[in-house]
Amino acid sequence: MMIMCRRATELMSQRLDRPLAWPERISLRFHLSMCGACSQCNRQFDLLHEAGKRFEPAAQEQEQE
């Protein structure tokens, strides 16, 4: 059974914080292969996550000053 978009979004967010269990990964991959809106959302999650990692060292330096 295919998961709904709301659950897919939850899994997209959670995968940035913890490894997903294999049933979660499979469900998410299947959903993303069928849902263009969630695929776009997933790409945006990835971009935001990468951008956050780039700015994290600068924020830590400012805290130390």
PDB file of N, CA and C in Angstrom:
ATOM      1  N   MET A   1       0.840  -1.187   0.000  1.00  0.00           N
ATOM      2  CA  MET A   1       0.000   0.000   0.000  1.00  0.00           C
ATOM      3  C   MET A   1       0.883   1.247   0.000  1.00  0.00           C
ATOM      4  N   MET A   2       0.514   2.195  -0.833  1.00  0.00           N
ATOM      5  CA  MET A   2       1.283   3.424  -0.938  1.00  0.00           C
ATOM      6  C   MET A   2       0.962   4.356   0.225  1.00  0.00           C
ATOM      7  N   ILE A   3       2.005   4.980   0.779  1.00  0.00           N
ATOM      8  CA  ILE A   3       1.789   5.928   1.866  1.00  0.00           C
ATOM      9  C   ILE A   3       1.227   7.227   1.304  1.00  0.00           C
ATOM     10  N   MET A   4       0.595   7.997   2.158  1.00  0.00           N
ATOM     11  CA  MET A   4       0.019   9.278   1.755  1.00  0.00           C
ATOM     12  C   MET A   4       1.112  10.358   1.792  1.00  0.00           C
ATOM     13  N   CYS A   5       0.839  11.472   1.151  1.00  0.00           N
ATOM     14  CA  CYS A   5       1.814  12.562   1.069  1.00  0.00           C
ATOM     15  C   CYS A   5       2.223  13.071   2.454  1.00  0.00           C
ATOM     16  N   ARG A   6       1.295  13.150   3.369  1.00  0.00           N
ATOM     17  CA  ARG A   6       1.623  13.638   4.716  1.00  0.00           C
ATOM     18  C   ARG A   6       2.680  12.737   5.361  1.00  0.00           C
ATOM     19  N   ARG A   7       2.494  11.419   5.260  1.00  0.00           N
ATOM     20  CA  ARG A   7       3.461  10.479   5.836  1.00  0.00           C
ATOM     21  C   ARG A   7       4.789  10.564   5.093  1.00  0.00           C
ATOM     22  N   ALA A   8       4.748  10.731   3.790  1.00  0.00           N
ATOM     23  CA  ALA A   8       5.983  10.861   3.012  1.00  0.00           C
ATOM     24  C   ALA A   8       6.769  12.088   3.468  1.00  0.00           C
ATOM     25  N   THR A   9       6.077  13.185   3.712  1.00  0.00           N
ATOM     26  CA  THR A   9       6.733  14.403   4.176  1.00  0.00           C
ATOM     27  C   THR A   9       7.370  14.189   5.544  1.00  0.00           C
ATOM     28  N   GLU A  10       6.678  13.484   6.421  1.00  0.00           N
ATOM     29  CA  GLU A  10       7.242  13.173   7.739  1.00  0.00           C
ATOM     30  C   GLU A  10       8.528  12.363   7.592  1.00  0.00           C
ATOM     31  N   LEU A  11       8.499  11.374   6.715  1.00  0.00           N
ATOM     32  CA  LEU A  11       9.683  10.536   6.511  1.00  0.00           C
ATOM     33  C   LEU A  11      10.828  11.326   5.885  1.00  0.00           C
ATOM     34  N   MET A  12      10.510  12.239   4.972  1.00  0.00           N
ATOM     35  CA  MET A  12      11.549  13.077   4.369  1.00  0.00           C
ATOM     36  C   MET A  12      12.266  13.886   5.440  1.00  0.00           C
ATOM     37  N   SER A  13      11.517  14.424   6.361  1.00  0.00           N
ATOM     38  CA  SER A  13      12.099  15.204   7.447  1.00  0.00           C
ATOM     39  C   SER A  13      12.888  14.312   8.402  1.00  0.00           C
ATOM     40  N   GLN A  14      12.326  13.189   8.752  1.00  0.00           N
ATOM     41  CA  GLN A  14      12.975  12.292   9.708  1.00  0.00           C
ATOM     42  C   GLN A  14      14.284  11.720   9.178  1.00  0.00           C
ATOM     43  N   ARG A  15      14.359  11.507   7.870  1.00  0.00           N
ATOM     44  CA  ARG A  15      15.575  10.905   7.318  1.00  0.00           C
ATOM     45  C   ARG A  15      16.780  11.834   7.440  1.00  0.00           C
ATOM     46  N   LEU A  16      16.525  13.111   7.669  1.00  0.00           N
ATOM     47  CA  LEU A  16      17.622  14.048   7.876  1.00  0.00           C
ATOM     48  C   LEU A  16      18.167  13.958   9.298  1.00  0.00           C
ATOM     49  N   ASP A  17      17.371  13.417  10.209  1.00  0.00           N
ATOM     50  CA  ASP A  17      17.753  13.332  11.618  1.00  0.00           C
ATOM     51  C   ASP A  17      18.173  11.936  12.055  1.00  0.00           C
ATOM     52  N   ARG A  18      17.690  10.931  11.356  1.00  0.00           N
ATOM     53  CA  ARG A  18      17.982   9.549  11.749  1.00  0.00           C
ATOM     54  C   ARG A  18      17.882   8.657  10.518  1.00  0.00           C
ATOM     55  N   PRO A  19      18.569   7.521  10.555  1.00  0.00           N
ATOM     56  CA  PRO A  19      18.410   6.572   9.446  1.00  0.00           C
ATOM     57  C   PRO A  19      17.001   5.970   9.474  1.00  0.00           C
ATOM     58  N   LEU A  20      16.377   5.901   8.329  1.00  0.00           N
ATOM     59  CA  LEU A  20      15.061   5.281   8.253  1.00  0.00           C
ATOM     60  C   LEU A  20      15.205   3.765   8.256  1.00  0.00           C
ATOM     61  N   ALA A  21      14.235   3.100   8.836  1.00  0.00           N
ATOM     62  CA  ALA A  21      14.178   1.641   8.769  1.00  0.00           C
ATOM     63  C   ALA A  21      13.899   1.245   7.321  1.00  0.00           C
ATOM     64  N   TRP A  22      14.300   0.041   6.949  1.00  0.00           N
ATOM     65  CA  TRP A  22      14.152  -0.335   5.533  1.00  0.00           C
ATOM     66  C   TRP A  22      12.709  -0.280   5.045  1.00  0.00           C
ATOM     67  N   PRO A  23      11.681  -0.647   5.844  1.00  0.00           N
ATOM     68  CA  PRO A  23      10.316  -0.505   5.319  1.00  0.00           C
ATOM     69  C   PRO A  23       9.946   0.964   5.064  1.00  0.00           C
ATOM     70  N   GLU A  24      10.469   1.851   5.906  1.00  0.00           N
ATOM     71  CA  GLU A  24      10.215   3.282   5.701  1.00  0.00           C
ATOM     72  C   GLU A  24      10.894   3.763   4.430  1.00  0.00           C
ATOM     73  N   ARG A  25      12.141   3.349   4.225  1.00  0.00           N
ATOM     74  CA  ARG A  25      12.870   3.755   3.014  1.00  0.00           C
ATOM     75  C   ARG A  25      12.170   3.273   1.755  1.00  0.00           C
ATOM     76  N   ILE A  26      11.736   2.024   1.771  1.00  0.00           N
ATOM     77  CA  ILE A  26      11.059   1.463   0.598  1.00  0.00           C
ATOM     78  C   ILE A  26       9.751   2.196   0.335  1.00  0.00           C
ATOM     79  N   SER A  27       8.976   2.428   1.389  1.00  0.00           N
ATOM     80  CA  SER A  27       7.704   3.141   1.233  1.00  0.00           C
ATOM     81  C   SER A  27       7.926   4.538   0.686  1.00  0.00           C
ATOM     82  N   LEU A  28       8.939   5.225   1.215  1.00  0.00           N
ATOM     83  CA  LEU A  28       9.221   6.584   0.759  1.00  0.00           C
ATOM     84  C   LEU A  28       9.689   6.577  -0.694  1.00  0.00           C
ATOM     85  N   ARG A  29      10.598   5.698  -1.036  1.00  0.00           N
ATOM     86  CA  ARG A  29      11.078   5.637  -2.427  1.00  0.00           C
ATOM     87  C   ARG A  29       9.945   5.344  -3.405  1.00  0.00           C
ATOM     88  N   PHE A  30       9.084   4.411  -3.037  1.00  0.00           N
ATOM     89  CA  PHE A  30       7.959   4.082  -3.907  1.00  0.00           C
ATOM     90  C   PHE A  30       7.051   5.297  -4.072  1.00  0.00           C
ATOM     91  N   HIS A  31       6.751   5.970  -2.973  1.00  0.00           N
ATOM     92  CA  HIS A  31       5.884   7.145  -3.041  1.00  0.00           C
ATOM     93  C   HIS A  31       6.523   8.224  -3.917  1.00  0.00           C
ATOM     94  N   LEU A  32       7.826   8.466  -3.710  1.00  0.00           N
ATOM     95  CA  LEU A  32       8.501   9.500  -4.492  1.00  0.00           C
ATOM     96  C   LEU A  32       8.529   9.165  -5.979  1.00  0.00           C
ATOM     97  N   SER A  33       8.547   7.885  -6.314  1.00  0.00           N
ATOM     98  CA  SER A  33       8.545   7.499  -7.726  1.00  0.00           C
ATOM     99  C   SER A  33       7.193   7.759  -8.388  1.00  0.00           C
ATOM    100  N   MET A  34       6.150   7.877  -7.579  1.00  0.00           N
ATOM    101  CA  MET A  34       4.801   8.059  -8.114  1.00  0.00           C
ATOM    102  C   MET A  34       4.258   9.481  -7.950  1.00  0.00           C
ATOM    103  N   CYS A  35       4.857  10.267  -7.054  1.00  0.00           N
ATOM    104  CA  CYS A  35       4.287  11.572  -6.708  1.00  0.00           C
ATOM    105  C   CYS A  35       5.277  12.692  -7.029  1.00  0.00           C
ATOM    106  N   GLY A  36       4.975  13.438  -8.060  1.00  0.00           N
ATOM    107  CA  GLY A  36       5.848  14.531  -8.474  1.00  0.00           C
ATOM    108  C   GLY A  36       5.952  15.643  -7.450  1.00  0.00           C
ATOM    109  N   ALA A  37       4.857  15.955  -6.773  1.00  0.00           N
ATOM    110  CA  ALA A  37       4.875  17.025  -5.770  1.00  0.00           C
ATOM    111  C   ALA A  37       5.799  16.658  -4.611  1.00  0.00           C
ATOM    112  N   CYS A  38       5.724  15.427  -4.157  1.00  0.00           N
ATOM    113  CA  CYS A  38       6.588  14.995  -3.054  1.00  0.00           C
ATOM    114  C   CYS A  38       8.042  14.875  -3.508  1.00  0.00           C
ATOM    115  N   SER A  39       8.260  14.506  -4.747  1.00  0.00           N
ATOM    116  CA  SER A  39       9.627  14.451  -5.270  1.00  0.00           C
ATOM    117  C   SER A  39      10.252  15.839  -5.250  1.00  0.00           C
ATOM    118  N   GLN A  40       9.479  16.837  -5.636  1.00  0.00           N
ATOM    119  CA  GLN A  40       9.957  18.219  -5.589  1.00  0.00           C
ATOM    120  C   GLN A  40      10.212  18.645  -4.147  1.00  0.00           C
ATOM    121  N   CYS A  41       9.316  18.305  -3.260  1.00  0.00           N
ATOM    122  CA  CYS A  41       9.481  18.617  -1.840  1.00  0.00           C
ATOM    123  C   CYS A  41      10.748  17.959  -1.296  1.00  0.00           C
ATOM    124  N   ASN A  42      11.001  16.732  -1.683  1.00  0.00           N
ATOM    125  CA  ASN A  42      12.195  16.013  -1.238  1.00  0.00           C
ATOM    126  C   ASN A  42      13.463  16.721  -1.705  1.00  0.00           C
ATOM    127  N   ARG A  43      13.474  17.199  -2.937  1.00  0.00           N
ATOM    128  CA  ARG A  43      14.629  17.947  -3.449  1.00  0.00           C
ATOM    129  C   ARG A  43      14.829  19.228  -2.645  1.00  0.00           C
ATOM    130  N   GLN A  44      13.730  19.888  -2.286  1.00  0.00           N
ATOM    131  CA  GLN A  44      13.830  21.107  -1.484  1.00  0.00           C
ATOM    132  C   GLN A  44      14.362  20.810  -0.083  1.00  0.00           C
ATOM    133  N   PHE A  45      13.923  19.712   0.520  1.00  0.00           N
ATOM    134  CA  PHE A  45      14.472  19.297   1.816  1.00  0.00           C
ATOM    135  C   PHE A  45      15.987  19.126   1.704  1.00  0.00           C
ATOM    136  N   ASP A  46      16.433  18.447   0.645  1.00  0.00           N
ATOM    137  CA  ASP A  46      17.863  18.206   0.461  1.00  0.00           C
ATOM    138  C   ASP A  46      18.629  19.517   0.300  1.00  0.00           C
ATOM    139  N   LEU A  47      18.096  20.437  -0.493  1.00  0.00           N
ATOM    140  CA  LEU A  47      18.759  21.728  -0.692  1.00  0.00           C
ATOM    141  C   LEU A  47      18.852  22.512   0.610  1.00  0.00           C
ATOM    142  N   LEU A  48      17.774  22.551   1.363  1.00  0.00           N
ATOM    143  CA  LEU A  48      17.777  23.269   2.638  1.00  0.00           C
ATOM    144  C   LEU A  48      18.740  22.629   3.632  1.00  0.00           C
ATOM    145  N   HIS A  49      18.788  21.318   3.644  1.00  0.00           N
ATOM    146  CA  HIS A  49      19.696  20.613   4.545  1.00  0.00           C
ATOM    147  C   HIS A  49      21.149  20.937   4.199  1.00  0.00           C
ATOM    148  N   GLU A  50      21.480  20.917   2.916  1.00  0.00           N
ATOM    149  CA  GLU A  50      22.844  21.241   2.483  1.00  0.00           C
ATOM    150  C   GLU A  50      23.186  22.693   2.790  1.00  0.00           C
ATOM    151  N   ALA A  51      22.248  23.598   2.553  1.00  0.00           N
ATOM    152  CA  ALA A  51      22.492  25.010   2.855  1.00  0.00           C
ATOM    153  C   ALA A  51      22.722  25.205   4.349  1.00  0.00           C
ATOM    154  N   GLY A  52      21.955  24.527   5.158  1.00  0.00           N
ATOM    155  CA  GLY A  52      22.121  24.622   6.607  1.00  0.00           C
ATOM    156  C   GLY A  52      23.481  24.132   7.060  1.00  0.00           C
ATOM    157  N   LYS A  53      23.968  23.067   6.443  1.00  0.00           N
ATOM    158  CA  LYS A  53      25.287  22.542   6.804  1.00  0.00           C
ATOM    159  C   LYS A  53      26.385  23.529   6.433  1.00  0.00           C
ATOM    160  N   ARG A  54      26.200  24.278   5.362  1.00  0.00           N
ATOM    161  CA  ARG A  54      27.215  25.254   4.946  1.00  0.00           C
ATOM    162  C   ARG A  54      27.283  26.432   5.905  1.00  0.00           C
ATOM    163  N   PHE A  55      26.147  26.834   6.457  1.00  0.00           N
ATOM    164  CA  PHE A  55      26.116  27.986   7.347  1.00  0.00           C
ATOM    165  C   PHE A  55      26.386  27.614   8.801  1.00  0.00           C
ATOM    166  N   GLU A  56      26.330  26.359   9.135  1.00  0.00           N
ATOM    167  CA  GLU A  56      26.529  25.932  10.521  1.00  0.00           C
ATOM    168  C   GLU A  56      27.902  26.327  11.069  1.00  0.00           C
ATOM    169  N   PRO A  57      29.017  26.110  10.349  1.00  0.00           N
ATOM    170  CA  PRO A  57      30.320  26.516  10.898  1.00  0.00           C
ATOM    171  C   PRO A  57      30.401  28.021  11.163  1.00  0.00           C
ATOM    172  N   ALA A  58      29.820  28.833  10.296  1.00  0.00           N
ATOM    173  CA  ALA A  58      29.843  30.283  10.498  1.00  0.00           C
ATOM    174  C   ALA A  58      29.057  30.667  11.748  1.00  0.00           C
ATOM    175  N   ALA A  59      27.943  30.017  11.978  1.00  0.00           N
ATOM    176  CA  ALA A  59      27.135  30.308  13.161  1.00  0.00           C
ATOM    177  C   ALA A  59      27.880  29.905  14.426  1.00  0.00           C
ATOM    178  N   GLN A  60      28.602  28.805  14.396  1.00  0.00           N
ATOM    179  CA  GLN A  60      29.365  28.364  15.565  1.00  0.00           C
ATOM    180  C   GLN A  60      30.503  29.325  15.866  1.00  0.00           C
ATOM    181  N   GLU A  61      31.137  29.874  14.830  1.00  0.00           N
ATOM    182  CA  GLU A  61      32.216  30.844  15.027  1.00  0.00           C
ATOM    183  C   GLU A  61      31.684  32.105  15.687  1.00  0.00           C
ATOM    184  N   GLN A  62      30.505  32.558  15.276  1.00  0.00           N
ATOM    185  CA  GLN A  62      29.917  33.760  15.861  1.00  0.00           C
ATOM    186  C   GLN A  62      29.567  33.543  17.324  1.00  0.00           C
ATOM    187  N   GLU A  63      29.147  32.350  17.686  1.00  0.00           N
ATOM    188  CA  GLU A  63      28.810  32.049  19.073  1.00  0.00           C
ATOM    189  C   GLU A  63      30.044  32.084  19.956  1.00  0.00           C
ATOM    190  N   GLN A  64      31.192  31.717  19.410  1.00  0.00           N
ATOM    191  CA  GLN A  64      32.420  31.669  20.196  1.00  0.00           C
ATOM    192  C   GLN A  64      32.993  33.054  20.437  1.00  0.00           C
ATOM    193  N   GLU A  65      32.629  34.022  19.626  1.00  0.00           N
ATOM    194  CA  GLU A  65      33.169  35.388  19.761  1.00  0.00           C
ATOM    195  C   GLU A  65      32.534  36.139  20.876  1.00  0.00           C
TER     196      GLU A  65
END
